[in-house]
C-alpha atoms as a PDB file:
ATOM      1  CA  MET A   1       4.146 -17.118  13.625  1.00  0.00           C
ATOM      2  CA  ILE A   2       2.081 -14.394  12.779  1.00  0.00           C
ATOM      3  CA  THR A   3       0.144 -12.539  15.527  1.00  0.00           C
ATOM      4  CA  LYS A   4      -1.939 -10.069  16.186  1.00  0.00           C
ATOM      5  CA  GLU A   5       0.693  -7.942  18.158  1.00  0.00           C
ATOM      6  CA  ARG A   6       2.723  -8.374  14.562  1.00  0.00           C
ATOM      7  CA  ILE A   7       0.073  -7.825  12.160  1.00  0.00           C
ATOM      8  CA  GLU A   8      -0.728  -4.265  14.342  1.00  0.00           C
ATOM      9  CA  GLU A   9       2.916  -3.317  14.063  1.00  0.00           C
ATOM     10  CA  THR A  10       3.297  -3.842  10.523  1.00  0.00           C
ATOM     11  CA  ILE A  11       0.138  -1.788  10.034  1.00  0.00           C
ATOM     12  CA  ARG A  12       1.595   0.930  12.062  1.00  0.00           C
ATOM     13  CA  GLY A  13       5.056   0.778  10.400  1.00  0.00           C
ATOM     14  CA  VAL A  14       3.090   1.248   6.563  1.00  0.00           C
ATOM     15  CA  ILE A  15       0.930   4.084   7.848  1.00  0.00           C
ATOM     16  CA  ARG A  16       3.778   5.714   9.520  1.00  0.00           C
ATOM     17  CA  ASP A  17       5.896   5.531   6.213  1.00  0.00           C
ATOM     18  CA  PHE A  18       2.999   7.132   4.278  1.00  0.00           C
ATOM     19  CA  ARG A  19       2.611   9.596   6.800  1.00  0.00           C
ATOM     20  CA  ARG A  20       6.415  10.584   6.435  1.00  0.00           C
ATOM     21  CA  SER A  21       5.916  10.323   2.851  1.00  0.00           C
ATOM     22  CA  LYS A  22       3.231  13.094   3.291  1.00  0.00           C
ATOM     23  CA  ARG A  23       1.133  10.465   1.296  1.00  0.00           C
ATOM     24  CA  ILE A  24      -1.610  10.594   4.358  1.00  0.00           C
ATOM     25  CA  PRO A  25      -2.468  13.418   6.257  1.00  0.00           C
ATOM     26  CA  ASP A  26      -1.746  12.548  10.129  1.00  0.00           C
ATOM     27  CA  PRO A  27      -5.669  12.669  11.349  1.00  0.00           C
ATOM     28  CA  THR A  28      -6.509  10.166   8.735  1.00  0.00           C
ATOM     29  CA  ALA A  29      -3.400   8.156   9.217  1.00  0.00           C
ATOM     30  CA  ASP A  30      -4.575   8.022  12.712  1.00  0.00           C
ATOM     31  CA  GLU A  31      -7.831   7.060  11.840  1.00  0.00           C
ATOM     32  CA  LEU A  32      -6.800   4.445   9.204  1.00  0.00           C
ATOM     33  CA  THR A  33      -4.416   2.645  11.663  1.00  0.00           C
ATOM     34  CA  ALA A  34      -7.161   2.577  14.278  1.00  0.00           C
ATOM     35  CA  ALA A  35      -9.676   1.031  11.838  1.00  0.00           C
ATOM     36  CA  LEU A  36      -7.201  -1.701  10.734  1.00  0.00           C
ATOM     37  CA  GLU A  37      -6.197  -2.549  14.118  1.00  0.00           C
ATOM     38  CA  ALA A  38      -9.880  -3.032  14.803  1.00  0.00           C
ATOM     39  CA  ARG A  39     -10.163  -5.451  11.900  1.00  0.00           C
ATOM     40  CA  VAL A  40      -7.422  -7.238  13.272  1.00  0.00           C
ATOM     41  CA  GLU A  41      -8.634  -7.372  16.144  1.00  0.00           C
ATOM     42  CA  ASP A  42     -11.972  -8.644  14.781  1.00  0.00           C
ATOM     43  CA  LEU A  43     -10.190 -11.524  12.641  1.00  0.00           C
ATOM     44  CA  PHE A  44      -8.746 -13.047  15.298  1.00  0.00           C
ATOM     45  CA  ASP A  45     -11.375 -12.676  17.902  1.00  0.00           C
ATOM     46  CA  HIS A  46     -13.871 -14.438  15.323  1.00  0.00           C
ATOM     47  CA  GLU A  47     -11.659 -16.586  13.012  1.00  0.00           C
ATOM     48  CA  ALA A  48      -8.682 -17.585  15.159  1.00  0.00           C
ATOM     49  CA  THR A  49     -10.401 -20.336  17.179  1.00  0.00           C
ATOM     50  CA  PHE A  50      -8.224 -23.003  16.704  1.00  0.00           C
ATOM     51  CA  SER A  51      -5.196 -23.711  19.505  1.00  0.00           C
ATOM     52  CA  HIS A  52      -2.256 -26.500  19.445  1.00  0.00           C
ATOM     53  CA  ARG A  53      -3.435 -26.674  23.284  1.00  0.00           C
ATOM     54  CA  GLU A  54      -6.829 -28.132  21.710  1.00  0.00           C
ATOM     55  CA  VAL A  55      -4.782 -30.953  20.373  1.00  0.00           C
ATOM     56  CA  GLU A  56      -5.160 -33.800  22.767  1.00  0.00           C
ATOM     57  CA  ASP A  57      -2.554 -36.150  20.851  1.00  0.00           C
ATOM     58  CA  SER A  58      -0.227 -34.357  18.719  1.00  0.00           C
ATOM     59  CA  ALA A  59       1.687 -36.905  17.061  1.00  0.00           C
ATOM     60  CA  ARG A  60      -1.347 -38.541  16.233  1.00  0.00           C
ATOM     61  CA  TYR A  61      -2.837 -35.626  14.953  1.00  0.00           C
ATOM     62  CA  VAL A  62       0.226 -34.853  12.915  1.00  0.00           C
ATOM     63  CA  GLU A  63       0.269 -37.878  11.720  1.00  0.00           C
ATOM     64  CA  GLU A  64      -3.234 -37.673  10.470  1.00  0.00           C
ATOM     65  CA  LEU A  65      -2.592 -34.184   8.664  1.00  0.00           C
ATOM     66  CA  ARG A  66       0.721 -36.061   6.940  1.00  0.00           C
ATOM     67  CA  ASP A  67      -1.199 -39.104   5.855  1.00  0.00           C
ATOM     68  CA  LYS A  68      -4.317 -36.611   4.666  1.00  0.00           C
ATOM     69  CA  ALA A  69      -1.717 -34.153   2.599  1.00  0.00           C
ATOM     70  CA  GLN A  70       0.134 -37.407   0.823  1.00  0.00           C
ATOM     71  CA  SER A  71      -3.185 -38.605  -0.458  1.00  0.00           C
ATOM     72  CA  LYS A  72      -3.687 -35.640  -1.922  1.00  0.00           C
ATOM     73  CA  SER A  73      -2.548 -35.423  -5.771  1.00  0.00           C
ATOM     74  CA  ALA A  74       0.387 -32.982  -6.641  1.00  0.00           C
ATOM     75  CA  GLU A  75      -1.819 -31.583  -9.710  1.00  0.00           C
ATOM     76  CA  SER A  76      -4.750 -30.880  -7.408  1.00  0.00           C
ATOM     77  CA  PHE A  77      -2.193 -29.529  -4.839  1.00  0.00           C
ATOM     78  CA  LEU A  78      -0.793 -27.347  -7.737  1.00  0.00           C
ATOM     79  CA  GLU A  79      -4.538 -26.368  -8.899  1.00  0.00           C
ATOM     80  CA  GLU A  80      -4.856 -24.882  -5.397  1.00  0.00           C
ATOM     81  CA  ILE A  81      -1.721 -22.933  -5.270  1.00  0.00           C
ATOM     82  CA  VAL A  82      -2.975 -21.549  -9.134  1.00  0.00           C
ATOM     83  CA  ALA A  83      -6.398 -20.356  -7.671  1.00  0.00           C
ATOM     84  CA  TRP A  84      -4.561 -18.877  -4.930  1.00  0.00           C
ATOM     85  CA  GLN A  85      -2.322 -16.763  -6.409  1.00  0.00           C
ATOM     86  CA  GLN A  86      -5.096 -15.795  -8.691  1.00  0.00           C
ATOM     87  CA  MET A  87      -7.430 -14.783  -6.150  1.00  0.00           C
ATOM     88  CA  ARG A  88      -4.653 -12.891  -4.278  1.00  0.00           C
ATOM     89  CA  SER A  89      -3.675 -10.931  -7.730  1.00  0.00           C
ATOM     90  CA  SER A  90      -7.294  -9.851  -8.250  1.00  0.00           C
END
């Protein structure tokens, strides 16, 4: 599961690697780490509003998700994946 703490630790690890290899000077690395962690915090505060605890009947919720997924054609699903990959590669 992706958590805020896991993302922040990954950010710190990447910046630590860049700092060790002298690609980012120490003061800049610290500022970059703080800025990225603030963005992650903001993202989780504003975007991650849904929780599994908000679902009253989890069995019915999963059944509805499955029905919805099965009603989607394989071709439209593949189109969605291709669009996502193109968006990520830009």
